[in-house]
Amino acid sequence: MANVDKAYGFRLFKTSGKQPIATKYVKTAGAAIYPGDAVKVVAAGTVSKYADGDGVGVLGVAAEYAASASDEVWVYDDPDYIFECQITTFAAADVGLNTDIGADSPDADLRYSGNELDAGANDVTATLPFKILGLSPKPGNEVGANADVLVKINQHVLGGGTGATGI
């Protein structure tokens, strides 16, 4: 059975044995942040939605919706967290590569993220923001188009450094 094409952003998958913890940040002006959106730090310590090709470190993943400037938003910002996310296409050889977010369309009515990973960006480049760890073990998920994969933030603002080169 083929995977369903339904981008949903990033879901917290594993916390290295820790209780999931989110940190409160203040949203800057600009596009709404949806639960599951990757977020980045911008001016004066505020956060905004991370977009394809931003070329900056990722802070974490939004745990809730925030629409207006100065809204507070909870973010899963631990560099060790592992997330599940849909990727445009996945092959076993992609494990260990780094990748980026593709263009997305959030669901404004249901308020969930449209983030998904762009397999066309898969590379060993250390500055790509996400590292592919493998196929998500959930039932019905398979190698190929619209697979759900497990990722770690490779270029994490709180993790220090540029990120790790893919293998």
Foldseek 3Di string as FASTA:
>chain_A
DDDDQAWFAKDFDDDPPDDQDWDKFFAADDAKAFARFFWDADPPRHIDGDDWPPLAETQAGWRHIDGHGRDITTGRRDQPIKIKTWEQFFDQVLAQWAWAWHDFDADPVVRTTRTHTYPVGTFQDFQRFKGFHAFDPDPPADGTGGTITMIGGQCHPVVDDRGGGGD
